[in-house]
PDB file of all heavy atoms in Angstrom:
ATOM      1  N   GLU A   1     -80.447 270.469  -6.529  1.00  0.00           N
ATOM      2  CA  GLU A   1     -80.449 271.507  -7.571  1.00  0.00           C
ATOM      3  C   GLU A   1     -79.904 272.824  -7.034  1.00  0.00           C
ATOM      4  O   GLU A   1     -79.162 273.522  -7.723  1.00  0.00           O
ATOM      5  CB  GLU A   1     -81.860 271.700  -8.138  1.00  0.00           C
ATOM      6  CG  GLU A   1     -82.400 270.501  -8.897  1.00  0.00           C
ATOM      7  CD  GLU A   1     -81.611 270.153 -10.153  1.00  0.00           C
ATOM      8  OE1 GLU A   1     -81.037 271.056 -10.784  1.00  0.00           O
ATOM      9  OE2 GLU A   1     -81.573 268.965 -10.489  1.00  0.00           O
ATOM     10  N   SER A   2     -80.247 273.153  -5.803  1.00  0.00           N
ATOM     11  CA  SER A   2     -79.765 274.390  -5.199  1.00  0.00           C
ATOM     12  C   SER A   2     -78.267 274.320  -4.895  1.00  0.00           C
ATOM     13  O   SER A   2     -77.512 275.241  -5.208  1.00  0.00           O
ATOM     14  CB  SER A   2     -80.543 274.678  -3.912  1.00  0.00           C
ATOM     15  OG  SER A   2     -80.035 275.824  -3.276  1.00  0.00           O
ATOM     16  N   ALA A   3     -77.840 273.221  -4.296  1.00  0.00           N
ATOM     17  CA  ALA A   3     -76.432 273.072  -3.910  1.00  0.00           C
ATOM     18  C   ALA A   3     -75.506 272.998  -5.117  1.00  0.00           C
ATOM     19  O   ALA A   3     -74.363 273.452  -5.054  1.00  0.00           O
ATOM     20  CB  ALA A   3     -76.266 271.827  -3.046  1.00  0.00           C
ATOM     21  N   TYR A   4     -75.987 272.417  -6.215  1.00  0.00           N
ATOM     22  CA  TYR A   4     -75.153 272.208  -7.399  1.00  0.00           C
ATOM     23  C   TYR A   4     -75.554 273.123  -8.558  1.00  0.00           C
ATOM     24  O   TYR A   4     -75.298 272.803  -9.707  1.00  0.00           O
ATOM     25  CB  TYR A   4     -75.213 270.742  -7.829  1.00  0.00           C
ATOM     26  CG  TYR A   4     -74.518 269.836  -6.835  1.00  0.00           C
ATOM     27  CD1 TYR A   4     -75.212 269.291  -5.763  1.00  0.00           C
ATOM     28  CD2 TYR A   4     -73.173 269.559  -6.958  1.00  0.00           C
ATOM     29  CE1 TYR A   4     -74.579 268.478  -4.841  1.00  0.00           C
ATOM     30  CE2 TYR A   4     -72.527 268.747  -6.054  1.00  0.00           C
ATOM     31  CZ  TYR A   4     -73.235 268.217  -4.993  1.00  0.00           C
ATOM     32  OH  TYR A   4     -72.596 267.413  -4.077  1.00  0.00           O
ATOM     33  N   ARG A   5     -76.142 274.263  -8.231  1.00  0.00           N
ATOM     34  CA  ARG A   5     -76.485 275.233  -9.275  1.00  0.00           C
ATOM     35  C   ARG A   5     -75.233 275.599 -10.055  1.00  0.00           C
ATOM     36  O   ARG A   5     -74.190 275.875  -9.480  1.00  0.00           O
ATOM     37  CB  ARG A   5     -77.066 276.497  -8.633  1.00  0.00           C
ATOM     38  CG  ARG A   5     -78.510 276.693  -8.826  1.00  0.00           C
ATOM     39  CD  ARG A   5     -79.039 278.020  -8.298  1.00  0.00           C
ATOM     40  NE  ARG A   5     -78.043 279.059  -8.115  1.00  0.00           N
ATOM     41  CZ  ARG A   5     -77.834 279.675  -6.939  1.00  0.00           C
ATOM     42  NH1 ARG A   5     -78.522 279.348  -5.878  1.00  0.00           N
ATOM     43  NH2 ARG A   5     -76.923 280.626  -6.856  1.00  0.00           N
ATOM     44  N   VAL A   6     -75.341 275.605 -11.367  1.00  0.00           N
ATOM     45  CA  VAL A   6     -74.171 275.798 -12.211  1.00  0.00           C
ATOM     46  C   VAL A   6     -73.503 277.146 -11.962  1.00  0.00           C
ATOM     47  O   VAL A   6     -72.263 277.216 -11.929  1.00  0.00           O
ATOM     48  CB  VAL A   6     -74.505 275.572 -13.701  1.00  0.00           C
ATOM     49  CG1 VAL A   6     -75.401 276.664 -14.252  1.00  0.00           C
ATOM     50  CG2 VAL A   6     -73.237 275.453 -14.517  1.00  0.00           C
ATOM     51  N   ASP A   7     -74.262 278.190 -11.759  1.00  0.00           N
ATOM     52  CA  ASP A   7     -73.634 279.492 -11.515  1.00  0.00           C
ATOM     53  C   ASP A   7     -72.846 279.485 -10.211  1.00  0.00           C
ATOM     54  O   ASP A   7     -71.761 280.055 -10.117  1.00  0.00           O
ATOM     55  CB  ASP A   7     -74.660 280.625 -11.541  1.00  0.00           C
ATOM     56  CG  ASP A   7     -75.754 280.482 -10.501  1.00  0.00           C
ATOM     57  OD1 ASP A   7     -76.182 279.338 -10.206  1.00  0.00           O
ATOM     58  OD2 ASP A   7     -76.212 281.520  -9.978  1.00  0.00           O
ATOM     59  N   ARG A   8     -73.349 278.787  -9.212  1.00  0.00           N
ATOM     60  CA  ARG A   8     -72.657 278.676  -7.921  1.00  0.00           C
ATOM     61  C   ARG A   8     -71.377 277.860  -8.079  1.00  0.00           C
ATOM     62  O   ARG A   8     -70.319 278.252  -7.572  1.00  0.00           O
ATOM     63  CB  ARG A   8     -73.585 278.032  -6.897  1.00  0.00           C
ATOM     64  CG  ARG A   8     -72.917 277.809  -5.547  1.00  0.00           C
ATOM     65  CD  ARG A   8     -73.841 277.135  -4.582  1.00  0.00           C
ATOM     66  NE  ARG A   8     -74.834 278.117  -4.149  1.00  0.00           N
ATOM     67  CZ  ARG A   8     -75.899 277.819  -3.438  1.00  0.00           C
ATOM     68  NH1 ARG A   8     -76.145 276.575  -3.098  1.00  0.00           N
ATOM     69  NH2 ARG A   8     -76.738 278.754  -3.067  1.00  0.00           N
ATOM     70  N   LEU A   9     -71.465 276.736  -8.763  1.00  0.00           N
ATOM     71  CA  LEU A   9     -70.276 275.898  -8.966  1.00  0.00           C
ATOM     72  C   LEU A   9     -69.197 276.631  -9.759  1.00  0.00           C
ATOM     73  O   LEU A   9     -68.011 276.558  -9.429  1.00  0.00           O
ATOM     74  CB  LEU A   9     -70.650 274.605  -9.688  1.00  0.00           C
ATOM     75  CG  LEU A   9     -71.481 273.602  -8.904  1.00  0.00           C
ATOM     76  CD1 LEU A   9     -71.844 272.418  -9.793  1.00  0.00           C
ATOM     77  CD2 LEU A   9     -70.751 273.138  -7.660  1.00  0.00           C
ATOM     78  N   ARG A  10     -69.620 277.313 -10.801  1.00  0.00           N
ATOM     79  CA  ARG A  10     -68.637 278.037 -11.625  1.00  0.00           C
ATOM     80  C   ARG A  10     -67.961 279.144 -10.819  1.00  0.00           C
ATOM     81  O   ARG A  10     -66.749 279.326 -10.910  1.00  0.00           O
ATOM     82  CB  ARG A  10     -69.315 278.596 -12.880  1.00  0.00           C
ATOM     83  CG  ARG A  10     -69.633 277.512 -13.888  1.00  0.00           C
ATOM     84  CD  ARG A  10     -70.420 278.038 -15.056  1.00  0.00           C
ATOM     85  NE  ARG A  10     -70.623 277.004 -16.060  1.00  0.00           N
ATOM     86  CZ  ARG A  10     -71.562 277.056 -16.987  1.00  0.00           C
ATOM     87  NH1 ARG A  10     -72.369 278.105 -17.077  1.00  0.00           N
ATOM     88  NH2 ARG A  10     -71.694 276.072 -17.853  1.00  0.00           N
ATOM     89  N   ALA A  11     -68.729 279.893 -10.049  1.00  0.00           N
ATOM     90  CA  ALA A  11     -68.151 280.984  -9.251  1.00  0.00           C
ATOM     91  C   ALA A  11     -67.187 280.432  -8.200  1.00  0.00           C
ATOM     92  O   ALA A  11     -66.081 280.968  -8.023  1.00  0.00           O
ATOM     93  CB  ALA A  11     -69.264 281.802  -8.590  1.00  0.00           C
ATOM     94  N   THR A  12     -67.592 279.375  -7.519  1.00  0.00           N
ATOM     95  CA  THR A  12     -66.737 278.780  -6.492  1.00  0.00           C
ATOM     96  C   THR A  12     -65.466 278.206  -7.111  1.00  0.00           C
ATOM     97  O   THR A  12     -64.361 278.403  -6.582  1.00  0.00           O
ATOM     98  CB  THR A  12     -67.499 277.674  -5.739  1.00  0.00           C
ATOM     99  OG1 THR A  12     -68.656 278.253  -5.131  1.00  0.00           O
ATOM    100  CG2 THR A  12     -66.638 277.014  -4.683  1.00  0.00           C
ATOM    101  N   THR A  13     -65.608 277.533  -8.231  1.00  0.00           N
ATOM    102  CA  THR A  13     -64.447 276.956  -8.903  1.00  0.00           C
ATOM    103  C   THR A  13     -63.497 278.050  -9.367  1.00  0.00           C
ATOM    104  O   THR A  13     -62.278 277.944  -9.188  1.00  0.00           O
ATOM    105  CB  THR A  13     -64.892 276.088 -10.092  1.00  0.00           C
ATOM    106  OG1 THR A  13     -65.753 275.055  -9.603  1.00  0.00           O
ATOM    107  CG2 THR A  13     -63.706 275.469 -10.803  1.00  0.00           C
ATOM    108  N   GLN A  14     -64.034 279.101  -9.930  1.00  0.00           N
ATOM    109  CA  GLN A  14     -63.194 280.191 -10.398  1.00  0.00           C
ATOM    110  C   GLN A  14     -62.435 280.833  -9.239  1.00  0.00           C
ATOM    111  O   GLN A  14     -61.228 281.093  -9.337  1.00  0.00           O
ATOM    112  CB  GLN A  14     -64.025 281.238 -11.135  1.00  0.00           C
ATOM    113  CG  GLN A  14     -63.168 282.328 -11.740  1.00  0.00           C
ATOM    114  CD  GLN A  14     -63.960 283.246 -12.655  1.00  0.00           C
ATOM    115  OE1 GLN A  14     -65.135 283.035 -12.909  1.00  0.00           O
ATOM    116  NE2 GLN A  14     -63.303 284.270 -13.143  1.00  0.00           N
ATOM    117  N   LYS A  15     -63.120 281.081  -8.131  1.00  0.00           N
ATOM    118  CA  LYS A  15     -62.450 281.664  -6.963  1.00  0.00           C
ATOM    119  C   LYS A  15     -61.349 280.737  -6.445  1.00  0.00           C
ATOM    120  O   LYS A  15     -60.271 281.197  -6.076  1.00  0.00           O
ATOM    121  CB  LYS A  15     -63.464 281.940  -5.850  1.00  0.00           C
ATOM    122  CG  LYS A  15     -64.358 283.121  -6.109  1.00  0.00           C
ATOM    123  CD  LYS A  15     -65.380 283.280  -5.000  1.00  0.00           C
ATOM    124  CE  LYS A  15     -66.407 284.321  -5.367  1.00  0.00           C
ATOM    125  NZ  LYS A  15     -67.530 284.357  -4.443  1.00  0.00           N
ATOM    126  N   THR A  16     -61.637 279.451  -6.415  1.00  0.00           N
ATOM    127  CA  THR A  16     -60.650 278.490  -5.937  1.00  0.00           C
ATOM    128  C   THR A  16     -59.434 278.455  -6.849  1.00  0.00           C
ATOM    129  O   THR A  16     -58.289 278.446  -6.375  1.00  0.00           O
ATOM    130  CB  THR A  16     -61.281 277.081  -5.828  1.00  0.00           C
ATOM    131  OG1 THR A  16     -62.393 277.141  -4.933  1.00  0.00           O
ATOM    132  CG2 THR A  16     -60.273 276.065  -5.324  1.00  0.00           C
ATOM    133  N   LEU A  17     -59.662 278.450  -8.160  1.00  0.00           N
ATOM    134  CA  LEU A  17     -58.540 278.460  -9.097  1.00  0.00           C
ATOM    135  C   LEU A  17     -57.723 279.749  -8.965  1.00  0.00           C
ATOM    136  O   LEU A  17     -56.493 279.709  -8.969  1.00  0.00           O
ATOM    137  CB  LEU A  17     -59.040 278.293 -10.530  1.00  0.00           C
ATOM    138  CG  LEU A  17     -59.539 276.897 -10.894  1.00  0.00           C
ATOM    139  CD1 LEU A  17     -60.198 276.912 -12.266  1.00  0.00           C
ATOM    140  CD2 LEU A  17     -58.409 275.889 -10.849  1.00  0.00           C
ATOM    141  N   GLU A  18     -58.407 280.879  -8.854  1.00  0.00           N
ATOM    142  CA  GLU A  18     -57.697 282.153  -8.700  1.00  0.00           C
ATOM    143  C   GLU A  18     -56.845 282.152  -7.435  1.00  0.00           C
ATOM    144  O   GLU A  18     -55.729 282.676  -7.431  1.00  0.00           O
ATOM    145  CB  GLU A  18     -58.691 283.310  -8.670  1.00  0.00           C
ATOM    146  CG  GLU A  18     -59.332 283.599 -10.011  1.00  0.00           C
ATOM    147  CD  GLU A  18     -60.487 284.593  -9.938  1.00  0.00           C
ATOM    148  OE1 GLU A  18     -60.906 284.977  -8.812  1.00  0.00           O
ATOM    149  OE2 GLU A  18     -60.977 284.981 -11.005  1.00  0.00           O
ATOM    150  N   ARG A  19     -57.353 281.554  -6.387  1.00  0.00           N
ATOM    151  CA  ARG A  19     -56.650 281.525  -5.109  1.00  0.00           C
ATOM    152  C   ARG A  19     -55.507 280.509  -5.100  1.00  0.00           C
ATOM    153  O   ARG A  19     -54.417 280.787  -4.610  1.00  0.00           O
ATOM    154  CB  ARG A  19     -57.630 281.197  -3.980  1.00  0.00           C
ATOM    155  CG  ARG A  19     -57.001 281.203  -2.589  1.00  0.00           C
ATOM    156  CD  ARG A  19     -57.923 280.654  -1.523  1.00  0.00           C
ATOM    157  NE  ARG A  19     -58.111 279.231  -1.749  1.00  0.00           N
ATOM    158  CZ  ARG A  19     -59.299 278.614  -1.694  1.00  0.00           C
ATOM    159  NH1 ARG A  19     -60.391 279.290  -1.426  1.00  0.00           N
ATOM    160  NH2 ARG A  19     -59.389 277.327  -1.916  1.00  0.00           N
ATOM    161  N   ASP A  20     -55.755 279.326  -5.674  1.00  0.00           N
ATOM    162  CA  ASP A  20     -54.822 278.218  -5.495  1.00  0.00           C
ATOM    163  C   ASP A  20     -53.901 277.931  -6.670  1.00  0.00           C
ATOM    164  O   ASP A  20     -52.893 277.248  -6.494  1.00  0.00           O
ATOM    165  CB  ASP A  20     -55.598 276.931  -5.178  1.00  0.00           C
ATOM    166  CG  ASP A  20     -56.340 277.025  -3.854  1.00  0.00           C
ATOM    167  OD1 ASP A  20     -56.048 277.941  -3.055  1.00  0.00           O
ATOM    168  OD2 ASP A  20     -57.216 276.181  -3.615  1.00  0.00           O
ATOM    169  N   LEU A  21     -54.233 278.410  -7.847  1.00  0.00           N
ATOM    170  CA  LEU A  21     -53.409 278.115  -9.013  1.00  0.00           C
ATOM    171  C   LEU A  21     -52.190 279.031  -9.029  1.00  0.00           C
ATOM    172  O   LEU A  21     -52.322 280.251  -8.966  1.00  0.00           O
ATOM    173  CB  LEU A  21     -54.213 278.295 -10.299  1.00  0.00           C
ATOM    174  CG  LEU A  21     -53.530 277.872 -11.584  1.00  0.00           C
ATOM    175  CD1 LEU A  21     -53.249 276.372 -11.584  1.00  0.00           C
ATOM    176  CD2 LEU A  21     -54.398 278.222 -12.781  1.00  0.00           C
ATOM    177  N   ASP A  22     -51.020 278.434  -9.094  1.00  0.00           N
ATOM    178  CA  ASP A  22     -49.777 279.199  -9.139  1.00  0.00           C
ATOM    179  C   ASP A  22     -49.658 279.847 -10.518  1.00  0.00           C
ATOM    180  O   ASP A  22     -49.674 279.158 -11.540  1.00  0.00           O
ATOM    181  CB  ASP A  22     -48.601 278.267  -8.885  1.00  0.00           C
ATOM    182  CG  ASP A  22     -47.286 278.998  -8.685  1.00  0.00           C
ATOM    183  OD1 ASP A  22     -47.115 280.097  -9.242  1.00  0.00           O
ATOM    184  OD2 ASP A  22     -46.427 278.456  -7.974  1.00  0.00           O
ATOM    185  N   GLY A  23     -49.550 281.156 -10.542  1.00  0.00           N
ATOM    186  CA  GLY A  23     -49.499 281.909 -11.785  1.00  0.00           C
ATOM    187  C   GLY A  23     -48.389 281.478 -12.733  1.00  0.00           C
ATOM    188  O   GLY A  23     -48.504 281.658 -13.949  1.00  0.00           O
ATOM    189  N   GLN A  24     -47.332 280.900 -12.196  1.00  0.00           N
ATOM    190  CA  GLN A  24     -46.237 280.468 -13.070  1.00  0.00           C
ATOM    191  C   GLN A  24     -46.663 279.340 -14.010  1.00  0.00           C
ATOM    192  O   GLN A  24     -46.033 279.104 -15.023  1.00  0.00           O
ATOM    193  CB  GLN A  24     -45.016 280.044 -12.253  1.00  0.00           C
ATOM    194  CG  GLN A  24     -45.197 278.727 -11.502  1.00  0.00           C
ATOM    195  CD  GLN A  24     -43.955 278.316 -10.734  1.00  0.00           C
ATOM    196  OE1 GLN A  24     -42.867 278.823 -11.008  1.00  0.00           O
ATOM    197  NE2 GLN A  24     -44.122 277.415  -9.787  1.00  0.00           N
ATOM    198  N   HIS A  25     -47.756 278.660 -13.683  1.00  0.00           N
ATOM    199  CA  HIS A  25     -48.233 277.563 -14.523  1.00  0.00           C
ATOM    200  C   HIS A  25     -49.175 278.028 -15.632  1.00  0.00           C
ATOM    201  O   HIS A  25     -49.488 277.255 -16.541  1.00  0.00           O
ATOM    202  CB  HIS A  25     -48.928 276.496 -13.673  1.00  0.00           C
ATOM    203  CG  HIS A  25     -48.043 275.899 -12.635  1.00  0.00           C
ATOM    204  ND1 HIS A  25     -46.925 275.173 -12.938  1.00  0.00           N
ATOM    205  CD2 HIS A  25     -48.115 275.948 -11.288  1.00  0.00           C
ATOM    206  CE1 HIS A  25     -46.342 274.788 -11.821  1.00  0.00           C
ATOM    207  NE2 HIS A  25     -47.037 275.249 -10.805  1.00  0.00           N
ATOM    208  N   LEU A  26     -49.644 279.254 -15.559  1.00  0.00           N
ATOM    209  CA  LEU A  26     -50.623 279.746 -16.529  1.00  0.00           C
ATOM    210  C   LEU A  26     -50.134 279.695 -17.975  1.00  0.00           C
ATOM    211  O   LEU A  26     -50.884 279.230 -18.843  1.00  0.00           O
ATOM    212  CB  LEU A  26     -51.086 281.146 -16.170  1.00  0.00           C
ATOM    213  CG  LEU A  26     -52.008 281.224 -14.951  1.00  0.00           C
ATOM    214  CD1 LEU A  26     -52.332 282.674 -14.625  1.00  0.00           C
ATOM    215  CD2 LEU A  26     -53.274 280.433 -15.183  1.00  0.00           C
ATOM    216  N   PRO A  27     -48.914 280.145 -18.287  1.00  0.00           N
ATOM    217  CA  PRO A  27     -48.484 280.074 -19.689  1.00  0.00           C
ATOM    218  C   PRO A  27     -48.513 278.648 -20.250  1.00  0.00           C
ATOM    219  O   PRO A  27     -48.959 278.433 -21.382  1.00  0.00           O
ATOM    220  CB  PRO A  27     -47.053 280.635 -19.662  1.00  0.00           C
ATOM    221  CG  PRO A  27     -47.028 281.534 -18.473  1.00  0.00           C
ATOM    222  CD  PRO A  27     -47.919 280.858 -17.462  1.00  0.00           C
ATOM    223  N   ALA A  28     -48.099 277.678 -19.452  1.00  0.00           N
ATOM    224  CA  ALA A  28     -48.118 276.285 -19.917  1.00  0.00           C
ATOM    225  C   ALA A  28     -49.549 275.796 -20.111  1.00  0.00           C
ATOM    226  O   ALA A  28     -49.854 275.090 -21.081  1.00  0.00           O
ATOM    227  CB  ALA A  28     -47.377 275.381 -18.928  1.00  0.00           C
ATOM    228  N   LEU A  29     -50.453 276.169 -19.202  1.00  0.00           N
ATOM    229  CA  LEU A  29     -51.854 275.778 -19.342  1.00  0.00           C
ATOM    230  C   LEU A  29     -52.480 276.391 -20.588  1.00  0.00           C
ATOM    231  O   LEU A  29     -53.189 275.713 -21.334  1.00  0.00           O
ATOM    232  CB  LEU A  29     -52.649 276.193 -18.099  1.00  0.00           C
ATOM    233  CG  LEU A  29     -52.401 275.380 -16.839  1.00  0.00           C
ATOM    234  CD1 LEU A  29     -53.007 276.062 -15.626  1.00  0.00           C
ATOM    235  CD2 LEU A  29     -52.950 273.972 -17.008  1.00  0.00           C
ATOM    236  N   VAL A  30     -52.205 277.666 -20.813  1.00  0.00           N
ATOM    237  CA  VAL A  30     -52.746 278.336 -21.992  1.00  0.00           C
ATOM    238  C   VAL A  30     -52.223 277.667 -23.265  1.00  0.00           C
ATOM    239  O   VAL A  30     -52.998 277.419 -24.207  1.00  0.00           O
ATOM    240  CB  VAL A  30     -52.415 279.849 -21.969  1.00  0.00           C
ATOM    241  CG1 VAL A  30     -52.747 280.511 -23.289  1.00  0.00           C
ATOM    242  CG2 VAL A  30     -53.176 280.522 -20.820  1.00  0.00           C
ATOM    243  N   ARG A  31     -50.926 277.362 -23.295  1.00  0.00           N
ATOM    244  CA  ARG A  31     -50.350 276.672 -24.474  1.00  0.00           C
ATOM    245  C   ARG A  31     -51.014 275.317 -24.676  1.00  0.00           C
ATOM    246  O   ARG A  31     -51.351 274.938 -25.796  1.00  0.00           O
ATOM    247  CB  ARG A  31     -48.835 276.497 -24.319  1.00  0.00           C
ATOM    248  CG  ARG A  31     -48.026 277.710 -24.686  1.00  0.00           C
ATOM    249  CD  ARG A  31     -46.536 277.393 -24.813  1.00  0.00           C
ATOM    250  NE  ARG A  31     -45.971 276.674 -23.678  1.00  0.00           N
ATOM    251  CZ  ARG A  31     -45.548 277.244 -22.540  1.00  0.00           C
ATOM    252  NH1 ARG A  31     -45.616 278.554 -22.392  1.00  0.00           N
ATOM    253  NH2 ARG A  31     -45.051 276.501 -21.576  1.00  0.00           N
ATOM    254  N   TRP A  32     -51.183 274.564 -23.591  1.00  0.00           N
ATOM    255  CA  TRP A  32     -51.782 273.232 -23.693  1.00  0.00           C
ATOM    256  C   TRP A  32     -53.202 273.313 -24.251  1.00  0.00           C
ATOM    257  O   TRP A  32     -53.547 272.632 -25.213  1.00  0.00           O
ATOM    258  CB  TRP A  32     -51.794 272.532 -22.337  1.00  0.00           C
ATOM    259  CG  TRP A  32     -52.730 271.365 -22.282  1.00  0.00           C
ATOM    260  CD1 TRP A  32     -53.899 271.292 -21.610  1.00  0.00           C
ATOM    261  CD2 TRP A  32     -52.594 270.098 -22.966  1.00  0.00           C
ATOM    262  NE1 TRP A  32     -54.508 270.077 -21.811  1.00  0.00           N
ATOM    263  CE2 TRP A  32     -53.719 269.330 -22.643  1.00  0.00           C
ATOM    264  CE3 TRP A  32     -51.637 269.568 -23.814  1.00  0.00           C
ATOM    265  CZ2 TRP A  32     -53.915 268.040 -23.124  1.00  0.00           C
ATOM    266  CZ3 TRP A  32     -51.840 268.278 -24.299  1.00  0.00           C
ATOM    267  CH2 TRP A  32     -52.961 267.538 -23.952  1.00  0.00           C
ATOM    268  N   TYR A  33     -54.030 274.170 -23.664  1.00  0.00           N
ATOM    269  CA  TYR A  33     -55.422 274.248 -24.105  1.00  0.00           C
ATOM    270  C   TYR A  33     -55.582 274.899 -25.468  1.00  0.00           C
ATOM    271  O   TYR A  33     -56.611 274.728 -26.113  1.00  0.00           O
ATOM    272  CB  TYR A  33     -56.295 274.921 -23.041  1.00  0.00           C
ATOM    273  CG  TYR A  33     -56.495 274.019 -21.852  1.00  0.00           C
ATOM    274  CD1 TYR A  33     -56.002 274.361 -20.605  1.00  0.00           C
ATOM    275  CD2 TYR A  33     -57.145 272.796 -21.986  1.00  0.00           C
ATOM    276  CE1 TYR A  33     -56.169 273.516 -19.513  1.00  0.00           C
ATOM    277  CE2 TYR A  33     -57.311 271.942 -20.916  1.00  0.00           C
ATOM    278  CZ  TYR A  33     -56.823 272.311 -19.677  1.00  0.00           C
ATOM    279  OH  TYR A  33     -56.982 271.479 -18.615  1.00  0.00           O
ATOM    280  N   ALA A  34     -54.560 275.603 -25.938  1.00  0.00           N
ATOM    281  CA  ALA A  34     -54.584 276.180 -27.288  1.00  0.00           C
ATOM    282  C   ALA A  34     -54.054 275.203 -28.333  1.00  0.00           C
ATOM    283  O   ALA A  34     -54.273 275.391 -29.528  1.00  0.00           O
ATOM    284  CB  ALA A  34     -53.761 277.471 -27.334  1.00  0.00           C
ATOM    285  N   SER A  35     -53.389 274.138 -27.880  1.00  0.00           N
ATOM    286  CA  SER A  35     -52.827 273.158 -28.809  1.00  0.00           C
ATOM    287  C   SER A  35     -53.933 272.274 -29.376  1.00  0.00           C
ATOM    288  O   SER A  35     -55.004 272.136 -28.775  1.00  0.00           O
ATOM    289  CB  SER A  35     -51.791 272.282 -28.093  1.00  0.00           C
ATOM    290  OG  SER A  35     -52.441 271.352 -27.224  1.00  0.00           O
ATOM    291  N   PRO A  36     -53.688 271.641 -30.519  1.00  0.00           N
ATOM    292  CA  PRO A  36     -54.698 270.739 -31.078  1.00  0.00           C
ATOM    293  C   PRO A  36     -55.092 269.611 -30.113  1.00  0.00           C
ATOM    294  O   PRO A  36     -56.280 269.309 -29.967  1.00  0.00           O
ATOM    295  CB  PRO A  36     -54.022 270.185 -32.331  1.00  0.00           C
ATOM    296  CG  PRO A  36     -53.045 271.251 -32.730  1.00  0.00           C
ATOM    297  CD  PRO A  36     -52.548 271.829 -31.427  1.00  0.00           C
ATOM    298  N   LEU A  37     -54.114 269.023 -29.443  1.00  0.00           N
ATOM    299  CA  LEU A  37     -54.428 267.939 -28.511  1.00  0.00           C
ATOM    300  C   LEU A  37     -55.192 268.462 -27.296  1.00  0.00           C
ATOM    301  O   LEU A  37     -56.144 267.833 -26.822  1.00  0.00           O
ATOM    302  CB  LEU A  37     -53.146 267.221 -28.068  1.00  0.00           C
ATOM    303  CG  LEU A  37     -53.334 265.975 -27.214  1.00  0.00           C
ATOM    304  CD1 LEU A  37     -54.241 264.958 -27.898  1.00  0.00           C
ATOM    305  CD2 LEU A  37     -51.982 265.356 -26.892  1.00  0.00           C
ATOM    306  N   GLY A  38     -54.804 269.627 -26.800  1.00  0.00           N
ATOM    307  CA  GLY A  38     -55.520 270.231 -25.675  1.00  0.00           C
ATOM    308  C   GLY A  38     -56.959 270.565 -26.029  1.00  0.00           C
ATOM    309  O   GLY A  38     -57.881 270.342 -25.235  1.00  0.00           O
ATOM    310  N   LYS A  39     -57.169 271.096 -27.227  1.00  0.00           N
ATOM    311  CA  LYS A  39     -58.526 271.400 -27.689  1.00  0.00           C
ATOM    312  C   LYS A  39     -59.351 270.120 -27.808  1.00  0.00           C
ATOM    313  O   LYS A  39     -60.533 270.093 -27.449  1.00  0.00           O
ATOM    314  CB  LYS A  39     -58.489 272.130 -29.028  1.00  0.00           C
ATOM    315  CG  LYS A  39     -58.014 273.559 -28.915  1.00  0.00           C
ATOM    316  CD  LYS A  39     -57.950 274.216 -30.284  1.00  0.00           C
ATOM    317  CE  LYS A  39     -57.406 275.630 -30.174  1.00  0.00           C
ATOM    318  NZ  LYS A  39     -57.271 276.265 -31.480  1.00  0.00           N
TER     319      LYS A  39
END
């Protein structure tokens, strides 16, 4: 429960995405998740 606390996982995941996700992919990701199929 301590190791997999949701607030800890979310913070770590967010930091990892901010660090590792190439910003050039963001517009495509936003379009995908805003599309009916992505939703």
